[in-house]
């Protein structure tokens, strides 16, 4: 499964991507189109306990849970 939540929920300042907005480099299958050249912040991200806490059947549900967990939504 390609989650994609970390490419939608948090802000990514190096890409001028605000909180809750889908990254312009995320394709329909939730795969990064610039994976080999992605920003350092994306390269360093490692799925963790947060990923288990936001488990939901669809991207919108996962993003909503992420934003709620961090008080962003």
PDB file of N, CA and C in Angstrom:
ATOM      1  N   UNK A   1       0.837  -1.183   0.000  1.00  0.00           N
ATOM      2  CA  UNK A   1       0.000   0.000   0.000  1.00  0.00           C
ATOM      3  C   UNK A   1       0.880   1.243   0.000  1.00  0.00           C
ATOM      4  N   UNK A   2       0.528   2.199  -0.795  1.00  0.00           N
ATOM      5  CA  UNK A   2       1.181   3.499  -0.789  1.00  0.00           C
ATOM      6  C   UNK A   2       0.293   4.425   0.028  1.00  0.00           C
ATOM      7  N   UNK A   3       0.781   4.836   1.169  1.00  0.00           N
ATOM      8  CA  UNK A   3      -0.040   5.611   2.099  1.00  0.00           C
ATOM      9  C   UNK A   3      -0.266   7.039   1.611  1.00  0.00           C
ATOM     10  N   UNK A   4       0.805   7.820   1.472  1.00  0.00           N
ATOM     11  CA  UNK A   4       0.689   9.194   1.007  1.00  0.00           C
ATOM     12  C   UNK A   4       0.358  10.232   2.059  1.00  0.00           C
ATOM     13  N   UNK A   5       0.009   9.811   3.256  1.00  0.00           N
ATOM     14  CA  UNK A   5      -0.403  10.765   4.293  1.00  0.00           C
ATOM     15  C   UNK A   5       0.675  11.792   4.597  1.00  0.00           C
ATOM     16  N   UNK A   6       1.927  11.347   4.690  1.00  0.00           N
ATOM     17  CA  UNK A   6       3.011  12.285   5.020  1.00  0.00           C
ATOM     18  C   UNK A   6       3.267  13.273   3.886  1.00  0.00           C
ATOM     19  N   UNK A   7       2.663  13.036   2.721  1.00  0.00           N
ATOM     20  CA  UNK A   7       2.799  13.953   1.584  1.00  0.00           C
ATOM     21  C   UNK A   7       1.588  14.872   1.453  1.00  0.00           C
ATOM     22  N   UNK A   8       0.655  14.739   2.385  1.00  0.00           N
ATOM     23  CA  UNK A   8      -0.539  15.584   2.374  1.00  0.00           C
ATOM     24  C   UNK A   8      -0.687  16.342   3.694  1.00  0.00           C
ATOM     25  N   UNK A   9      -0.659  15.622   4.798  1.00  0.00           N
ATOM     26  CA  UNK A   9      -0.991  16.223   6.096  1.00  0.00           C
ATOM     27  C   UNK A   9      -0.009  17.294   6.574  1.00  0.00           C
ATOM     28  N   UNK A  10       1.285  17.004   6.721  1.00  0.00           N
ATOM     29  CA  UNK A  10       2.184  18.034   7.269  1.00  0.00           C
ATOM     30  C   UNK A  10       2.590  19.066   6.213  1.00  0.00           C
ATOM     31  N   UNK A  11       3.110  20.189   6.694  1.00  0.00           N
ATOM     32  CA  UNK A  11       3.665  21.150   5.744  1.00  0.00           C
ATOM     33  C   UNK A  11       5.063  20.680   5.338  1.00  0.00           C
ATOM     34  N   UNK A  12       5.460  21.036   4.125  1.00  0.00           N
ATOM     35  CA  UNK A  12       6.812  20.755   3.630  1.00  0.00           C
ATOM     36  C   UNK A  12       7.326  22.087   3.095  1.00  0.00           C
ATOM     37  N   UNK A  13       8.009  22.826   3.957  1.00  0.00           N
ATOM     38  CA  UNK A  13       8.392  24.199   3.622  1.00  0.00           C
ATOM     39  C   UNK A  13       9.314  24.284   2.418  1.00  0.00           C
ATOM     40  N   UNK A  14      10.189  23.301   2.233  1.00  0.00           N
ATOM     41  CA  UNK A  14      11.102  23.357   1.083  1.00  0.00           C
ATOM     42  C   UNK A  14      10.357  23.257  -0.240  1.00  0.00           C
ATOM     43  N   UNK A  15       9.137  22.757  -0.207  1.00  0.00           N
ATOM     44  CA  UNK A  15       8.304  22.669  -1.415  1.00  0.00           C
ATOM     45  C   UNK A  15       7.162  23.681  -1.389  1.00  0.00           C
ATOM     46  N   UNK A  16       7.166  24.584  -0.398  1.00  0.00           N
ATOM     47  CA  UNK A  16       6.084  25.551  -0.189  1.00  0.00           C
ATOM     48  C   UNK A  16       4.726  24.853  -0.141  1.00  0.00           C
ATOM     49  N   UNK A  17       4.669  23.699   0.528  1.00  0.00           N
ATOM     50  CA  UNK A  17       3.438  22.925   0.649  1.00  0.00           C
ATOM     51  C   UNK A  17       2.841  23.145   2.035  1.00  0.00           C
ATOM     52  N   UNK A  18       1.652  23.751   2.113  1.00  0.00           N
ATOM     53  CA  UNK A  18       1.032  23.984   3.417  1.00  0.00           C
ATOM     54  C   UNK A  18       0.397  22.724   4.011  1.00  0.00           C
ATOM     55  N   UNK A  19       0.073  22.799   5.280  1.00  0.00           N
ATOM     56  CA  UNK A  19      -0.597  21.716   6.004  1.00  0.00           C
ATOM     57  C   UNK A  19      -1.896  21.338   5.292  1.00  0.00           C
ATOM     58  N   UNK A  20      -2.126  20.040   5.135  1.00  0.00           N
ATOM     59  CA  UNK A  20      -3.383  19.544   4.586  1.00  0.00           C
ATOM     60  C   UNK A  20      -3.536  19.623   3.085  1.00  0.00           C
ATOM     61  N   UNK A  21      -2.509  20.072   2.388  1.00  0.00           N
ATOM     62  CA  UNK A  21      -2.562  20.189   0.930  1.00  0.00           C
ATOM     63  C   UNK A  21      -1.707  19.082   0.316  1.00  0.00           C
ATOM     64  N   UNK A  22      -2.258  18.399  -0.657  1.00  0.00           N
ATOM     65  CA  UNK A  22      -1.553  17.313  -1.338  1.00  0.00           C
ATOM     66  C   UNK A  22      -0.302  17.852  -2.033  1.00  0.00           C
ATOM     67  N   UNK A  23       0.831  17.184  -1.830  1.00  0.00           N
ATOM     68  CA  UNK A  23       2.070  17.583  -2.498  1.00  0.00           C
ATOM     69  C   UNK A  23       1.897  17.452  -4.008  1.00  0.00           C
ATOM     70  N   UNK A  24       2.358  18.415  -4.736  1.00  0.00           N
ATOM     71  CA  UNK A  24       2.218  18.403  -6.194  1.00  0.00           C
ATOM     72  C   UNK A  24       2.993  17.261  -6.844  1.00  0.00           C
ATOM     73  N   UNK A  25       3.897  16.646  -6.109  1.00  0.00           N
ATOM     74  CA  UNK A  25       4.699  15.547  -6.647  1.00  0.00           C
ATOM     75  C   UNK A  25       4.123  14.169  -6.330  1.00  0.00           C
ATOM     76  N   UNK A  26       2.993  14.119  -5.656  1.00  0.00           N
ATOM     77  CA  UNK A  26       2.351  12.851  -5.308  1.00  0.00           C
ATOM     78  C   UNK A  26       1.396  12.464  -6.432  1.00  0.00           C
ATOM     79  N   UNK A  27       1.606  11.267  -7.013  1.00  0.00           N
ATOM     80  CA  UNK A  27       0.744  10.864  -8.128  1.00  0.00           C
ATOM     81  C   UNK A  27      -0.556  10.230  -7.634  1.00  0.00           C
ATOM     82  N   UNK A  28      -1.406   9.812  -8.554  1.00  0.00           N
ATOM     83  CA  UNK A  28      -2.712   9.239  -8.210  1.00  0.00           C
ATOM     84  C   UNK A  28      -2.616   7.993  -7.341  1.00  0.00           C
ATOM     85  N   UNK A  29      -1.514   7.264  -7.476  1.00  0.00           N
ATOM     86  CA  UNK A  29      -1.307   6.045  -6.693  1.00  0.00           C
ATOM     87  C   UNK A  29      -0.577   6.323  -5.384  1.00  0.00           C
ATOM     88  N   UNK A  30      -0.481   7.603  -5.010  1.00  0.00           N
ATOM     89  CA  UNK A  30       0.202   8.034  -3.782  1.00  0.00           C
ATOM     90  C   UNK A  30       1.682   7.676  -3.789  1.00  0.00           C
ATOM     91  N   UNK A  31       2.290   7.778  -4.945  1.00  0.00           N
ATOM     92  CA  UNK A  31       3.725   7.540  -5.080  1.00  0.00           C
ATOM     93  C   UNK A  31       4.396   8.866  -5.454  1.00  0.00           C
ATOM     94  N   UNK A  32       5.591   9.065  -4.914  1.00  0.00           N
ATOM     95  CA  UNK A  32       6.326  10.306  -5.159  1.00  0.00           C
ATOM     96  C   UNK A  32       6.953  10.291  -6.552  1.00  0.00           C
ATOM     97  N   UNK A  33       6.637  11.318  -7.340  1.00  0.00           N
ATOM     98  CA  UNK A  33       7.200  11.411  -8.695  1.00  0.00           C
ATOM     99  C   UNK A  33       8.640  11.909  -8.692  1.00  0.00           C
ATOM    100  N   UNK A  34       9.106  12.477  -7.574  1.00  0.00           N
ATOM    101  CA  UNK A  34      10.494  12.963  -7.498  1.00  0.00           C
ATOM    102  C   UNK A  34      11.272  12.195  -6.434  1.00  0.00           C
ATOM    103  N   UNK A  35      10.896  10.950  -6.209  1.00  0.00           N
ATOM    104  CA  UNK A  35      11.464  10.163  -5.116  1.00  0.00           C
ATOM    105  C   UNK A  35      12.990  10.227  -5.069  1.00  0.00           C
ATOM    106  N   UNK A  36      13.656  10.049  -6.188  1.00  0.00           N
ATOM    107  CA  UNK A  36      15.128  10.046  -6.211  1.00  0.00           C
ATOM    108  C   UNK A  36      15.712  11.416  -5.863  1.00  0.00           C
ATOM    109  N   UNK A  37      14.965  12.483  -6.114  1.00  0.00           N
ATOM    110  CA  UNK A  37      15.449  13.846  -5.857  1.00  0.00           C
ATOM    111  C   UNK A  37      14.629  14.564  -4.793  1.00  0.00           C
ATOM    112  N   UNK A  38      13.874  13.840  -3.995  1.00  0.00           N
ATOM    113  CA  UNK A  38      12.997  14.468  -3.004  1.00  0.00           C
ATOM    114  C   UNK A  38      13.805  15.256  -1.970  1.00  0.00           C
ATOM    115  N   UNK A  39      13.165  16.243  -1.317  1.00  0.00           N
ATOM    116  CA  UNK A  39      13.858  17.060  -0.321  1.00  0.00           C
ATOM    117  C   UNK A  39      14.400  16.221   0.842  1.00  0.00           C
ATOM    118  N   UNK A  40      15.406  16.750   1.500  1.00  0.00           N
ATOM    119  CA  UNK A  40      16.039  16.060   2.629  1.00  0.00           C
ATOM    120  C   UNK A  40      15.026  15.697   3.703  1.00  0.00           C
ATOM    121  N   UNK A  41      14.100  16.597   4.011  1.00  0.00           N
ATOM    122  CA  UNK A  41      13.103  16.307   5.045  1.00  0.00           C
ATOM    123  C   UNK A  41      12.300  15.059   4.683  1.00  0.00           C
ATOM    124  N   UNK A  42      12.022  14.865   3.422  1.00  0.00           N
ATOM    125  CA  UNK A  42      11.289  13.674   2.972  1.00  0.00           C
ATOM    126  C   UNK A  42      12.186  12.437   3.018  1.00  0.00           C
ATOM    127  N   UNK A  43      13.441  12.606   2.655  1.00  0.00           N
ATOM    128  CA  UNK A  43      14.381  11.481   2.698  1.00  0.00           C
ATOM    129  C   UNK A  43      14.563  10.974   4.122  1.00  0.00           C
ATOM    130  N   UNK A  44      14.569  11.883   5.076  1.00  0.00           N
ATOM    131  CA  UNK A  44      14.819  11.513   6.476  1.00  0.00           C
ATOM    132  C   UNK A  44      13.591  10.970   7.191  1.00  0.00           C
ATOM    133  N   UNK A  45      12.423  11.187   6.625  1.00  0.00           N
ATOM    134  CA  UNK A  45      11.202  10.715   7.278  1.00  0.00           C
ATOM    135  C   UNK A  45      11.178   9.191   7.299  1.00  0.00           C
ATOM    136  N   UNK A  46      10.853   8.646   8.448  1.00  0.00           N
ATOM    137  CA  UNK A  46      10.703   7.199   8.619  1.00  0.00           C
ATOM    138  C   UNK A  46       9.339   6.935   9.250  1.00  0.00           C
ATOM    139  N   UNK A  47       8.549   6.073   8.640  1.00  0.00           N
ATOM    140  CA  UNK A  47       7.265   5.733   9.253  1.00  0.00           C
ATOM    141  C   UNK A  47       7.480   5.260  10.689  1.00  0.00           C
ATOM    142  N   UNK A  48       6.582   5.630  11.552  1.00  0.00           N
ATOM    143  CA  UNK A  48       6.721   5.290  12.962  1.00  0.00           C
ATOM    144  C   UNK A  48       5.365   4.981  13.575  1.00  0.00           C
ATOM    145  N   UNK A  49       5.267   5.097  14.878  1.00  0.00           N
ATOM    146  CA  UNK A  49       4.020   4.789  15.582  1.00  0.00           C
ATOM    147  C   UNK A  49       2.857   5.638  15.078  1.00  0.00           C
ATOM    148  N   UNK A  50       3.142   6.846  14.640  1.00  0.00           N
ATOM    149  CA  UNK A  50       2.090   7.720  14.111  1.00  0.00           C
ATOM    150  C   UNK A  50       1.373   7.032  12.960  1.00  0.00           C
ATOM    151  N   UNK A  51       2.132   6.357  12.119  1.00  0.00           N
ATOM    152  CA  UNK A  51       1.535   5.685  10.958  1.00  0.00           C
ATOM    153  C   UNK A  51       0.517   4.635  11.392  1.00  0.00           C
ATOM    154  N   UNK A  52       0.802   3.924  12.460  1.00  0.00           N
ATOM    155  CA  UNK A  52      -0.154   2.927  12.968  1.00  0.00           C
ATOM    156  C   UNK A  52      -1.377   3.614  13.579  1.00  0.00           C
ATOM    157  N   UNK A  53      -1.172   4.750  14.213  1.00  0.00           N
ATOM    158  CA  UNK A  53      -2.281   5.460  14.859  1.00  0.00           C
ATOM    159  C   UNK A  53      -3.256   6.069  13.863  1.00  0.00           C
ATOM    160  N   UNK A  54      -2.796   6.393  12.680  1.00  0.00           N
ATOM    161  CA  UNK A  54      -3.671   7.045  11.705  1.00  0.00           C
ATOM    162  C   UNK A  54      -4.235   6.076  10.680  1.00  0.00           C
ATOM    163  N   UNK A  55      -4.017   4.791  10.862  1.00  0.00           N
ATOM    164  CA  UNK A  55      -4.497   3.799   9.904  1.00  0.00           C
ATOM    165  C   UNK A  55      -5.980   4.023   9.599  1.00  0.00           C
ATOM    166  N   UNK A  56      -6.294   4.112   8.329  1.00  0.00           N
ATOM    167  CA  UNK A  56      -7.666   4.277   7.845  1.00  0.00           C
ATOM    168  C   UNK A  56      -7.701   3.722   6.421  1.00  0.00           C
ATOM    169  N   UNK A  57      -8.875   3.346   5.948  1.00  0.00           N
ATOM    170  CA  UNK A  57      -8.950   2.721   4.626  1.00  0.00           C
ATOM    171  C   UNK A  57      -8.641   3.637   3.442  1.00  0.00           C
ATOM    172  N   UNK A  58      -8.753   4.947   3.623  1.00  0.00           N
ATOM    173  CA  UNK A  58      -8.478   5.832   2.489  1.00  0.00           C
ATOM    174  C   UNK A  58      -7.598   7.010   2.913  1.00  0.00           C
ATOM    175  N   UNK A  59      -7.019   7.672   1.921  1.00  0.00           N
ATOM    176  CA  UNK A  59      -6.099   8.781   2.175  1.00  0.00           C
ATOM    177  C   UNK A  59      -6.778   9.904   2.948  1.00  0.00           C
ATOM    178  N   UNK A  60      -7.998  10.243   2.582  1.00  0.00           N
ATOM    179  CA  UNK A  60      -8.695  11.333   3.260  1.00  0.00           C
ATOM    180  C   UNK A  60      -8.865  11.030   4.748  1.00  0.00           C
ATOM    181  N   UNK A  61      -9.200   9.791   5.068  1.00  0.00           N
ATOM    182  CA  UNK A  61      -9.351   9.390   6.467  1.00  0.00           C
ATOM    183  C   UNK A  61      -8.043   9.454   7.228  1.00  0.00           C
ATOM    184  N   UNK A  62      -6.961   9.019   6.591  1.00  0.00           N
ATOM    185  CA  UNK A  62      -5.645   9.063   7.238  1.00  0.00           C
ATOM    186  C   UNK A  62      -5.208  10.499   7.488  1.00  0.00           C
ATOM    187  N   UNK A  63      -5.421  11.368   6.499  1.00  0.00           N
ATOM    188  CA  UNK A  63      -5.045  12.778   6.650  1.00  0.00           C
ATOM    189  C   UNK A  63      -5.860  13.416   7.773  1.00  0.00           C
ATOM    190  N   UNK A  64      -7.154  13.152   7.816  1.00  0.00           N
ATOM    191  CA  UNK A  64      -8.003  13.717   8.872  1.00  0.00           C
ATOM    192  C   UNK A  64      -7.517  13.276  10.251  1.00  0.00           C
ATOM    193  N   UNK A  65      -7.160  12.008  10.391  1.00  0.00           N
ATOM    194  CA  UNK A  65      -6.661  11.516  11.682  1.00  0.00           C
ATOM    195  C   UNK A  65      -5.325  12.155  12.043  1.00  0.00           C
ATOM    196  N   UNK A  66      -4.449  12.315  11.070  1.00  0.00           N
ATOM    197  CA  UNK A  66      -3.139  12.945  11.305  1.00  0.00           C
ATOM    198  C   UNK A  66      -3.342  14.379  11.787  1.00  0.00           C
ATOM    199  N   UNK A  67      -4.143  15.135  11.061  1.00  0.00           N
ATOM    200  CA  UNK A  67      -4.372  16.532  11.422  1.00  0.00           C
ATOM    201  C   UNK A  67      -5.005  16.646  12.805  1.00  0.00           C
ATOM    202  N   UNK A  68      -5.943  15.772  13.114  1.00  0.00           N
ATOM    203  CA  UNK A  68      -6.586  15.777  14.423  1.00  0.00           C
ATOM    204  C   UNK A  68      -5.595  15.432  15.531  1.00  0.00           C
ATOM    205  N   UNK A  69      -4.769  14.441  15.296  1.00  0.00           N
ATOM    206  CA  UNK A  69      -3.788  14.003  16.286  1.00  0.00           C
ATOM    207  C   UNK A  69      -2.847  15.137  16.688  1.00  0.00           C
ATOM    208  N   UNK A  70      -2.491  15.985  15.723  1.00  0.00           N
ATOM    209  CA  UNK A  70      -1.573  17.088  15.990  1.00  0.00           C
ATOM    210  C   UNK A  70      -2.289  18.424  16.187  1.00  0.00           C
ATOM    211  N   UNK A  71      -3.616  18.389  16.283  1.00  0.00           N
ATOM    212  CA  UNK A  71      -4.384  19.608  16.508  1.00  0.00           C
ATOM    213  C   UNK A  71      -4.324  20.573  15.344  1.00  0.00           C
ATOM    214  N   UNK A  72      -4.231  20.050  14.138  1.00  0.00           N
ATOM    215  CA  UNK A  72      -4.092  20.895  12.955  1.00  0.00           C
ATOM    216  C   UNK A  72      -5.369  20.983  12.130  1.00  0.00           C
ATOM    217  N   UNK A  73      -6.357  20.203  12.475  1.00  0.00           N
ATOM    218  CA  UNK A  73      -7.541  20.185  11.622  1.00  0.00           C
ATOM    219  C   UNK A  73      -8.815  20.483  12.325  1.00  0.00           C
TER     220      UNK A  73
END
